[in-house]
Amino acid sequence: MNHAMDTIPVLTDIVEDDLHAAGPMIDRTTLFLGELEAHLTAAIHERADELVHNACREMEALLLEQVSDRLREQLPTLVAGIIEEHFRGPDRVN
């Protein structure tokens, strides 16, 4: 068993940073971050576009309802005024 103790490797060399080994890691990280950024940008843009379109549809429906309500409110007065003007106008004699 003493033999196993003698074969334990001992680090005697100074370890230096290997800039070439870090290059591929940086390239993969940069590529990953670029892909992530593109995916996030597309997803956020799609969601924002959907929200804007929904808001426009809701505003359009609200405006249509308001115009319809105003027309319903004003139409009887408008029709009565036109009929009165037509039959009792200055050119008509009863």
PDB file of N, CA and C in Angstrom:
ATOM      1  N   MET A   1       0.813  -1.172   0.000  1.00  0.00           N
ATOM      2  CA  MET A   1       0.000   0.000   0.000  1.00  0.00           C
ATOM      3  C   MET A   1       0.870   1.253   0.000  1.00  0.00           C
ATOM      4  N   ASN A   2       2.096   1.119   0.423  1.00  0.00           N
ATOM      5  CA  ASN A   2       2.993   2.252   0.327  1.00  0.00           C
ATOM      6  C   ASN A   2       3.199   2.667  -1.118  1.00  0.00           C
ATOM      7  N   HIS A   3       3.040   1.731  -2.001  1.00  0.00           N
ATOM      8  CA  HIS A   3       3.246   1.988  -3.417  1.00  0.00           C
ATOM      9  C   HIS A   3       2.203   2.993  -3.945  1.00  0.00           C
ATOM     10  N   ALA A   4       0.964   2.904  -3.452  1.00  0.00           N
ATOM     11  CA  ALA A   4      -0.089   3.826  -3.886  1.00  0.00           C
ATOM     12  C   ALA A   4       0.218   5.242  -3.424  1.00  0.00           C
ATOM     13  N   MET A   5       0.791   5.388  -2.268  1.00  0.00           N
ATOM     14  CA  MET A   5       1.125   6.717  -1.769  1.00  0.00           C
ATOM     15  C   MET A   5       2.243   7.348  -2.597  1.00  0.00           C
ATOM     16  N   ASP A   6       3.119   6.547  -3.109  1.00  0.00           N
ATOM     17  CA  ASP A   6       4.234   7.068  -3.889  1.00  0.00           C
ATOM     18  C   ASP A   6       3.791   7.543  -5.269  1.00  0.00           C
ATOM     19  N   THR A   7       2.655   7.096  -5.779  1.00  0.00           N
ATOM     20  CA  THR A   7       2.243   7.449  -7.140  1.00  0.00           C
ATOM     21  C   THR A   7       1.274   8.625  -7.189  1.00  0.00           C
ATOM     22  N   ILE A   8       1.020   9.240  -6.071  1.00  0.00           N
ATOM     23  CA  ILE A   8       0.129  10.404  -6.084  1.00  0.00           C
ATOM     24  C   ILE A   8       0.845  11.525  -6.822  1.00  0.00           C
ATOM     25  N   PRO A   9       0.203  12.063  -7.847  1.00  0.00           N
ATOM     26  CA  PRO A   9       0.873  13.134  -8.604  1.00  0.00           C
ATOM     27  C   PRO A   9       0.925  14.421  -7.783  1.00  0.00           C
ATOM     28  N   VAL A  10       1.984  15.122  -7.945  1.00  0.00           N
ATOM     29  CA  VAL A  10       2.189  16.373  -7.223  1.00  0.00           C
ATOM     30  C   VAL A  10       2.384  17.464  -8.265  1.00  0.00           C
ATOM     31  N   LEU A  11       1.652  18.543  -8.099  1.00  0.00           N
ATOM     32  CA  LEU A  11       1.734  19.648  -9.052  1.00  0.00           C
ATOM     33  C   LEU A  11       2.983  20.475  -8.726  1.00  0.00           C
ATOM     34  N   THR A  12       3.883  20.501  -9.659  1.00  0.00           N
ATOM     35  CA  THR A  12       5.110  21.262  -9.443  1.00  0.00           C
ATOM     36  C   THR A  12       5.265  22.386 -10.466  1.00  0.00           C
ATOM     37  N   ASP A  13       4.480  22.367 -11.553  1.00  0.00           N
ATOM     38  CA  ASP A  13       4.584  23.410 -12.577  1.00  0.00           C
ATOM     39  C   ASP A  13       3.634  24.571 -12.245  1.00  0.00           C
ATOM     40  N   ILE A  14       4.043  25.754 -12.666  1.00  0.00           N
ATOM     41  CA  ILE A  14       3.191  26.933 -12.489  1.00  0.00           C
ATOM     42  C   ILE A  14       2.153  26.913 -13.613  1.00  0.00           C
ATOM     43  N   VAL A  15       0.920  27.100 -13.227  1.00  0.00           N
ATOM     44  CA  VAL A  15      -0.162  27.102 -14.208  1.00  0.00           C
ATOM     45  C   VAL A  15      -0.377  28.535 -14.658  1.00  0.00           C
ATOM     46  N   GLU A  16      -0.338  28.732 -15.978  1.00  0.00           N
ATOM     47  CA  GLU A  16      -0.550  30.056 -16.540  1.00  0.00           C
ATOM     48  C   GLU A  16      -1.885  30.075 -17.280  1.00  0.00           C
ATOM     49  N   ASP A  17      -2.485  31.249 -17.353  1.00  0.00           N
ATOM     50  CA  ASP A  17      -3.725  31.385 -18.117  1.00  0.00           C
ATOM     51  C   ASP A  17      -3.436  31.126 -19.579  1.00  0.00           C
ATOM     52  N   ASP A  18      -4.273  30.323 -20.164  1.00  0.00           N
ATOM     53  CA  ASP A  18      -4.143  30.026 -21.585  1.00  0.00           C
ATOM     54  C   ASP A  18      -5.198  30.829 -22.326  1.00  0.00           C
ATOM     55  N   LEU A  19      -4.779  31.901 -22.956  1.00  0.00           N
ATOM     56  CA  LEU A  19      -5.736  32.783 -23.642  1.00  0.00           C
ATOM     57  C   LEU A  19      -6.401  32.083 -24.824  1.00  0.00           C
ATOM     58  N   HIS A  20      -5.707  31.143 -25.419  1.00  0.00           N
ATOM     59  CA  HIS A  20      -6.291  30.443 -26.571  1.00  0.00           C
ATOM     60  C   HIS A  20      -7.420  29.516 -26.136  1.00  0.00           C
ATOM     61  N   ALA A  21      -7.321  28.951 -24.967  1.00  0.00           N
ATOM     62  CA  ALA A  21      -8.371  28.056 -24.484  1.00  0.00           C
ATOM     63  C   ALA A  21      -9.617  28.847 -24.103  1.00  0.00           C
ATOM     64  N   ALA A  22      -9.486  30.092 -23.655  1.00  0.00           N
ATOM     65  CA  ALA A  22     -10.632  30.913 -23.275  1.00  0.00           C
ATOM     66  C   ALA A  22     -11.364  31.450 -24.501  1.00  0.00           C
ATOM     67  N   GLY A  23     -10.694  31.533 -25.629  1.00  0.00           N
ATOM     68  CA  GLY A  23     -11.299  32.067 -26.855  1.00  0.00           C
ATOM     69  C   GLY A  23     -12.568  31.352 -27.274  1.00  0.00           C
ATOM     70  N   PRO A  24     -12.545  30.028 -27.423  1.00  0.00           N
ATOM     71  CA  PRO A  24     -13.772  29.342 -27.823  1.00  0.00           C
ATOM     72  C   PRO A  24     -14.896  29.499 -26.810  1.00  0.00           C
ATOM     73  N   MET A  25     -14.552  29.559 -25.519  1.00  0.00           N
ATOM     74  CA  MET A  25     -15.565  29.731 -24.489  1.00  0.00           C
ATOM     75  C   MET A  25     -16.225  31.099 -24.624  1.00  0.00           C
ATOM     76  N   ILE A  26     -15.407  32.129 -24.853  1.00  0.00           N
ATOM     77  CA  ILE A  26     -15.941  33.476 -25.028  1.00  0.00           C
ATOM     78  C   ILE A  26     -16.801  33.531 -26.285  1.00  0.00           C
ATOM     79  N   ASP A  27     -16.354  32.905 -27.353  1.00  0.00           N
ATOM     80  CA  ASP A  27     -17.114  32.896 -28.599  1.00  0.00           C
ATOM     81  C   ASP A  27     -18.460  32.201 -28.407  1.00  0.00           C
ATOM     82  N   ARG A  28     -18.477  31.076 -27.688  1.00  0.00           N
ATOM     83  CA  ARG A  28     -19.745  30.366 -27.442  1.00  0.00           C
ATOM     84  C   ARG A  28     -20.658  31.203 -26.565  1.00  0.00           C
ATOM     85  N   THR A  29     -20.095  31.857 -25.562  1.00  0.00           N
ATOM     86  CA  THR A  29     -20.898  32.707 -24.676  1.00  0.00           C
ATOM     87  C   THR A  29     -21.470  33.882 -25.452  1.00  0.00           C
ATOM     88  N   THR A  30     -20.654  34.515 -26.275  1.00  0.00           N
ATOM     89  CA  THR A  30     -21.120  35.638 -27.081  1.00  0.00           C
ATOM     90  C   THR A  30     -22.210  35.188 -28.039  1.00  0.00           C
ATOM     91  N   LEU A  31     -22.039  34.045 -28.647  1.00  0.00           N
ATOM     92  CA  LEU A  31     -23.046  33.503 -29.559  1.00  0.00           C
ATOM     93  C   LEU A  31     -24.347  33.213 -28.815  1.00  0.00           C
ATOM     94  N   PHE A  32     -24.226  32.595 -27.649  1.00  0.00           N
ATOM     95  CA  PHE A  32     -25.409  32.284 -26.838  1.00  0.00           C
ATOM     96  C   PHE A  32     -26.141  33.562 -26.442  1.00  0.00           C
ATOM     97  N   LEU A  33     -25.393  34.562 -25.972  1.00  0.00           N
ATOM     98  CA  LEU A  33     -26.012  35.823 -25.569  1.00  0.00           C
ATOM     99  C   LEU A  33     -26.662  36.532 -26.752  1.00  0.00           C
ATOM    100  N   GLY A  34     -26.060  36.446 -27.899  1.00  0.00           N
ATOM    101  CA  GLY A  34     -26.646  37.037 -29.110  1.00  0.00           C
ATOM    102  C   GLY A  34     -27.953  36.360 -29.482  1.00  0.00           C
ATOM    103  N   GLU A  35     -27.967  35.023 -29.410  1.00  0.00           N
ATOM    104  CA  GLU A  35     -29.190  34.279 -29.709  1.00  0.00           C
ATOM    105  C   GLU A  35     -30.275  34.584 -28.679  1.00  0.00           C
ATOM    106  N   LEU A  36     -29.884  34.667 -27.418  1.00  0.00           N
ATOM    107  CA  LEU A  36     -30.838  34.979 -26.352  1.00  0.00           C
ATOM    108  C   LEU A  36     -31.421  36.376 -26.556  1.00  0.00           C
ATOM    109  N   GLU A  37     -30.570  37.323 -26.886  1.00  0.00           N
ATOM    110  CA  GLU A  37     -31.030  38.693 -27.124  1.00  0.00           C
ATOM    111  C   GLU A  37     -32.008  38.740 -28.298  1.00  0.00           C
ATOM    112  N   ALA A  38     -31.701  38.039 -29.366  1.00  0.00           N
ATOM    113  CA  ALA A  38     -32.589  38.010 -30.538  1.00  0.00           C
ATOM    114  C   ALA A  38     -33.930  37.378 -30.187  1.00  0.00           C
ATOM    115  N   HIS A  39     -33.902  36.292 -29.427  1.00  0.00           N
ATOM    116  CA  HIS A  39     -35.147  35.622 -29.030  1.00  0.00           C
ATOM    117  C   HIS A  39     -35.987  36.514 -28.120  1.00  0.00           C
ATOM    118  N   LEU A  40     -35.350  37.146 -27.139  1.00  0.00           N
ATOM    119  CA  LEU A  40     -36.072  38.045 -26.234  1.00  0.00           C
ATOM    120  C   LEU A  40     -36.665  39.228 -27.000  1.00  0.00           C
ATOM    121  N   THR A  41     -35.885  39.798 -27.898  1.00  0.00           N
ATOM    122  CA  THR A  41     -36.360  40.935 -28.684  1.00  0.00           C
ATOM    123  C   THR A  41     -37.579  40.547 -29.509  1.00  0.00           C
ATOM    124  N   ALA A  42     -37.525  39.406 -30.165  1.00  0.00           N
ATOM    125  CA  ALA A  42     -38.657  38.952 -30.990  1.00  0.00           C
ATOM    126  C   ALA A  42     -39.890  38.681 -30.136  1.00  0.00           C
ATOM    127  N   ALA A  43     -39.710  38.020 -29.002  1.00  0.00           N
ATOM    128  CA  ALA A  43     -40.845  37.691 -28.133  1.00  0.00           C
ATOM    129  C   ALA A  43     -41.472  38.951 -27.547  1.00  0.00           C
ATOM    130  N   ILE A  44     -40.647  39.883 -27.100  1.00  0.00           N
ATOM    131  CA  ILE A  44     -41.159  41.126 -26.519  1.00  0.00           C
ATOM    132  C   ILE A  44     -41.871  41.958 -27.586  1.00  0.00           C
ATOM    133  N   HIS A  45     -41.285  42.028 -28.775  1.00  0.00           N
ATOM    134  CA  HIS A  45     -41.915  42.790 -29.858  1.00  0.00           C
ATOM    135  C   HIS A  45     -43.262  42.180 -30.238  1.00  0.00           C
ATOM    136  N   GLU A  46     -43.326  40.870 -30.309  1.00  0.00           N
ATOM    137  CA  GLU A  46     -44.586  40.187 -30.643  1.00  0.00           C
ATOM    138  C   GLU A  46     -45.649  40.477 -29.584  1.00  0.00           C
ATOM    139  N   ARG A  47     -45.269  40.427 -28.317  1.00  0.00           N
ATOM    140  CA  ARG A  47     -46.227  40.681 -27.229  1.00  0.00           C
ATOM    141  C   ARG A  47     -46.688  42.135 -27.236  1.00  0.00           C
ATOM    142  N   ALA A  48     -45.749  43.063 -27.434  1.00  0.00           N
ATOM    143  CA  ALA A  48     -46.102  44.485 -27.485  1.00  0.00           C
ATOM    144  C   ALA A  48     -47.038  44.757 -28.659  1.00  0.00           C
ATOM    145  N   ASP A  49     -46.768  44.151 -29.793  1.00  0.00           N
ATOM    146  CA  ASP A  49     -47.621  44.308 -30.977  1.00  0.00           C
ATOM    147  C   ASP A  49     -49.032  43.793 -30.692  1.00  0.00           C
ATOM    148  N   GLU A  50     -49.118  42.650 -30.046  1.00  0.00           N
ATOM    149  CA  GLU A  50     -50.416  42.073 -29.683  1.00  0.00           C
ATOM    150  C   GLU A  50     -51.173  42.999 -28.730  1.00  0.00           C
ATOM    151  N   LEU A  51     -50.480  43.526 -27.729  1.00  0.00           N
ATOM    152  CA  LEU A  51     -51.119  44.427 -26.768  1.00  0.00           C
ATOM    153  C   LEU A  51     -51.614  45.708 -27.436  1.00  0.00           C
ATOM    154  N   VAL A  52     -50.823  46.261 -28.334  1.00  0.00           N
ATOM    155  CA  VAL A  52     -51.226  47.479 -29.035  1.00  0.00           C
ATOM    156  C   VAL A  52     -52.450  47.217 -29.906  1.00  0.00           C
ATOM    157  N   HIS A  53     -52.452  46.107 -30.638  1.00  0.00           N
ATOM    158  CA  HIS A  53     -53.605  45.786 -31.480  1.00  0.00           C
ATOM    159  C   HIS A  53     -54.867  45.567 -30.640  1.00  0.00           C
ATOM    160  N   ASN A  54     -54.725  44.883 -29.521  1.00  0.00           N
ATOM    161  CA  ASN A  54     -55.882  44.678 -28.635  1.00  0.00           C
ATOM    162  C   ASN A  54     -56.397  46.013 -28.098  1.00  0.00           C
ATOM    163  N   ALA A  55     -55.491  46.883 -27.706  1.00  0.00           N
ATOM    164  CA  ALA A  55     -55.886  48.194 -27.190  1.00  0.00           C
ATOM    165  C   ALA A  55     -56.600  49.002 -28.274  1.00  0.00           C
ATOM    166  N   CYS A  56     -56.103  48.933 -29.502  1.00  0.00           N
ATOM    167  CA  CYS A  56     -56.753  49.652 -30.609  1.00  0.00           C
ATOM    168  C   CYS A  56     -58.159  49.113 -30.857  1.00  0.00           C
ATOM    169  N   ARG A  57     -58.302  47.792 -30.822  1.00  0.00           N
ATOM    170  CA  ARG A  57     -59.635  47.202 -31.014  1.00  0.00           C
ATOM    171  C   ARG A  57     -60.590  47.629 -29.902  1.00  0.00           C
ATOM    172  N   GLU A  58     -60.094  47.644 -28.668  1.00  0.00           N
ATOM    173  CA  GLU A  58     -60.934  48.066 -27.543  1.00  0.00           C
ATOM    174  C   GLU A  58     -61.325  49.534 -27.660  1.00  0.00           C
ATOM    175  N   MET A  59     -60.371  50.394 -28.049  1.00  0.00           N
ATOM    176  CA  MET A  59     -60.685  51.815 -28.216  1.00  0.00           C
ATOM    177  C   MET A  59     -61.671  52.021 -29.363  1.00  0.00           C
ATOM    178  N   GLU A  60     -61.487  51.293 -30.449  1.00  0.00           N
ATOM    179  CA  GLU A  60     -62.394  51.399 -31.589  1.00  0.00           C
ATOM    180  C   GLU A  60     -63.810  50.984 -31.187  1.00  0.00           C
ATOM    181  N   ALA A  61     -63.934  49.902 -30.446  1.00  0.00           N
ATOM    182  CA  ALA A  61     -65.251  49.440 -29.996  1.00  0.00           C
ATOM    183  C   ALA A  61     -65.889  50.477 -29.071  1.00  0.00           C
ATOM    184  N   LEU A  62     -65.097  51.057 -28.178  1.00  0.00           N
ATOM    185  CA  LEU A  62     -65.612  52.067 -27.263  1.00  0.00           C
ATOM    186  C   LEU A  62     -66.080  53.307 -28.018  1.00  0.00           C
ATOM    187  N   LEU A  63     -65.273  53.776 -28.982  1.00  0.00           N
ATOM    188  CA  LEU A  63     -65.658  54.945 -29.774  1.00  0.00           C
ATOM    189  C   LEU A  63     -66.919  54.672 -30.585  1.00  0.00           C
ATOM    190  N   LEU A  64     -67.008  53.489 -31.179  1.00  0.00           N
ATOM    191  CA  LEU A  64     -68.192  53.130 -31.960  1.00  0.00           C
ATOM    192  C   LEU A  64     -69.430  53.134 -31.068  1.00  0.00           C
ATOM    193  N   GLU A  65     -69.304  52.612 -29.869  1.00  0.00           N
ATOM    194  CA  GLU A  65     -70.423  52.593 -28.931  1.00  0.00           C
ATOM    195  C   GLU A  65     -70.829  54.015 -28.539  1.00  0.00           C
ATOM    196  N   GLN A  66     -69.838  54.881 -28.290  1.00  0.00           N
ATOM    197  CA  GLN A  66     -70.142  56.264 -27.920  1.00  0.00           C
ATOM    198  C   GLN A  66     -70.824  57.012 -29.062  1.00  0.00           C
ATOM    199  N   VAL A  67     -70.345  56.837 -30.284  1.00  0.00           N
ATOM    200  CA  VAL A  67     -70.958  57.497 -31.441  1.00  0.00           C
ATOM    201  C   VAL A  67     -72.372  56.971 -31.653  1.00  0.00           C
ATOM    202  N   SER A  68     -72.552  55.671 -31.521  1.00  0.00           N
ATOM    203  CA  SER A  68     -73.879  55.081 -31.671  1.00  0.00           C
ATOM    204  C   SER A  68     -74.841  55.615 -30.616  1.00  0.00           C
ATOM    205  N   ASP A  69     -74.381  55.730 -29.375  1.00  0.00           N
ATOM    206  CA  ASP A  69     -75.221  56.272 -28.303  1.00  0.00           C
ATOM    207  C   ASP A  69     -75.611  57.725 -28.571  1.00  0.00           C
ATOM    208  N   ARG A  70     -74.651  58.529 -29.037  1.00  0.00           N
ATOM    209  CA  ARG A  70     -74.938  59.934 -29.354  1.00  0.00           C
ATOM    210  C   ARG A  70     -75.945  60.039 -30.496  1.00  0.00           C
ATOM    211  N   LEU A  71     -75.754  59.224 -31.519  1.00  0.00           N
ATOM    212  CA  LEU A  71     -76.669  59.233 -32.657  1.00  0.00           C
ATOM    213  C   LEU A  71     -78.069  58.824 -32.217  1.00  0.00           C
ATOM    214  N   ARG A  72     -78.165  57.788 -31.417  1.00  0.00           N
ATOM    215  CA  ARG A  72     -79.467  57.337 -30.902  1.00  0.00           C
ATOM    216  C   ARG A  72     -80.130  58.448 -30.089  1.00  0.00           C
ATOM    217  N   GLU A  73     -79.329  59.194 -29.339  1.00  0.00           N
ATOM    218  CA  GLU A  73     -79.856  60.279 -28.518  1.00  0.00           C
ATOM    219  C   GLU A  73     -80.287  61.474 -29.368  1.00  0.00           C
ATOM    220  N   GLN A  74     -79.512  61.800 -30.390  1.00  0.00           N
ATOM    221  CA  GLN A  74     -79.755  63.002 -31.179  1.00  0.00           C
ATOM    222  C   GLN A  74     -80.655  62.782 -32.391  1.00  0.00           C
ATOM    223  N   LEU A  75     -80.809  61.555 -32.828  1.00  0.00           N
ATOM    224  CA  LEU A  75     -81.565  61.265 -34.046  1.00  0.00           C
ATOM    225  C   LEU A  75     -83.023  61.716 -33.971  1.00  0.00           C
ATOM    226  N   PRO A  76     -83.756  61.450 -32.905  1.00  0.00           N
ATOM    227  CA  PRO A  76     -85.154  61.903 -32.876  1.00  0.00           C
ATOM    228  C   PRO A  76     -85.281  63.428 -33.024  1.00  0.00           C
ATOM    229  N   THR A  77     -84.404  64.178 -32.358  1.00  0.00           N
ATOM    230  CA  THR A  77     -84.435  65.635 -32.464  1.00  0.00           C
ATOM    231  C   THR A  77     -84.075  66.081 -33.874  1.00  0.00           C
ATOM    232  N   LEU A  78     -83.097  65.441 -34.452  1.00  0.00           N
ATOM    233  CA  LEU A  78     -82.671  65.760 -35.810  1.00  0.00           C
ATOM    234  C   LEU A  78     -83.787  65.496 -36.816  1.00  0.00           C
ATOM    235  N   VAL A  79     -84.415  64.329 -36.724  1.00  0.00           N
ATOM    236  CA  VAL A  79     -85.504  63.976 -37.636  1.00  0.00           C
ATOM    237  C   VAL A  79     -86.679  64.945 -37.456  1.00  0.00           C
ATOM    238  N   ALA A  80     -87.045  65.228 -36.214  1.00  0.00           N
ATOM    239  CA  ALA A  80     -88.154  66.153 -35.947  1.00  0.00           C
ATOM    240  C   ALA A  80     -87.849  67.537 -36.503  1.00  0.00           C
ATOM    241  N   GLY A  81     -86.635  68.002 -36.336  1.00  0.00           N
ATOM    242  CA  GLY A  81     -86.254  69.317 -36.856  1.00  0.00           C
ATOM    243  C   GLY A  81     -86.322  69.370 -38.368  1.00  0.00           C
ATOM    244  N   ILE A  82     -85.862  68.346 -39.029  1.00  0.00           N
ATOM    245  CA  ILE A  82     -85.893  68.308 -40.493  1.00  0.00           C
ATOM    246  C   ILE A  82     -87.331  68.258 -40.997  1.00  0.00           C
ATOM    247  N   ILE A  83     -88.161  67.442 -40.371  1.00  0.00           N
ATOM    248  CA  ILE A  83     -89.567  67.351 -40.786  1.00  0.00           C
ATOM    249  C   ILE A  83     -90.258  68.697 -40.572  1.00  0.00           C
ATOM    250  N   GLU A  84     -90.026  69.314 -39.422  1.00  0.00           N
ATOM    251  CA  GLU A  84     -90.640  70.609 -39.150  1.00  0.00           C
ATOM    252  C   GLU A  84     -90.169  71.654 -40.143  1.00  0.00           C
ATOM    253  N   GLU A  85     -88.882  71.669 -40.413  1.00  0.00           N
ATOM    254  CA  GLU A  85     -88.336  72.627 -41.369  1.00  0.00           C
ATOM    255  C   GLU A  85     -88.930  72.409 -42.750  1.00  0.00           C
ATOM    256  N   HIS A  86     -89.104  71.164 -43.131  1.00  0.00           N
ATOM    257  CA  HIS A  86     -89.622  70.855 -44.461  1.00  0.00           C
ATOM    258  C   HIS A  86     -91.079  71.291 -44.606  1.00  0.00           C
ATOM    259  N   PHE A  87     -91.890  70.986 -43.602  1.00  0.00           N
ATOM    260  CA  PHE A  87     -93.314  71.295 -43.726  1.00  0.00           C
ATOM    261  C   PHE A  87     -93.672  72.698 -43.248  1.00  0.00           C
ATOM    262  N   ARG A  88     -92.908  73.326 -42.427  1.00  0.00           N
ATOM    263  CA  ARG A  88     -93.238  74.654 -41.907  1.00  0.00           C
ATOM    264  C   ARG A  88     -92.194  75.696 -42.341  1.00  0.00           C
ATOM    265  N   GLY A  89     -91.425  75.370 -43.329  1.00  0.00           N
ATOM    266  CA  GLY A  89     -90.389  76.304 -43.785  1.00  0.00           C
ATOM    267  C   GLY A  89     -90.987  77.557 -44.352  1.00  0.00           C
ATOM    268  N   PRO A  90     -90.145  78.571 -44.634  1.00  0.00           N
ATOM    269  CA  PRO A  90     -90.643  79.861 -45.127  1.00  0.00           C
ATOM    270  C   PRO A  90     -91.325  79.752 -46.501  1.00  0.00           C
ATOM    271  N   ASP A  91     -90.996  78.745 -47.288  1.00  0.00           N
ATOM    272  CA  ASP A  91     -91.592  78.617 -48.630  1.00  0.00           C
ATOM    273  C   ASP A  91     -92.899  77.858 -48.607  1.00  0.00           C
ATOM    274  N   ARG A  92     -93.259  77.266 -47.486  1.00  0.00           N
ATOM    275  CA  ARG A  92     -94.494  76.458 -47.388  1.00  0.00           C
ATOM    276  C   ARG A  92     -95.627  77.295 -46.809  1.00  0.00           C
ATOM    277  N   VAL A  93     -96.798  77.110 -47.391  1.00  0.00           N
ATOM    278  CA  VAL A  93     -97.986  77.785 -46.886  1.00  0.00           C
ATOM    279  C   VAL A  93     -99.006  76.697 -46.552  1.00  0.00           C
ATOM    280  N   ASN A  94     -99.556  76.688 -45.348  1.00  0.00           N
ATOM    281  CA  ASN A  94    -100.534  75.688 -44.958  1.00  0.00           C
ATOM    282  C   ASN A  94    -101.914  76.210 -45.133  1.00  0.00           C
TER     283      ASN A  94
END
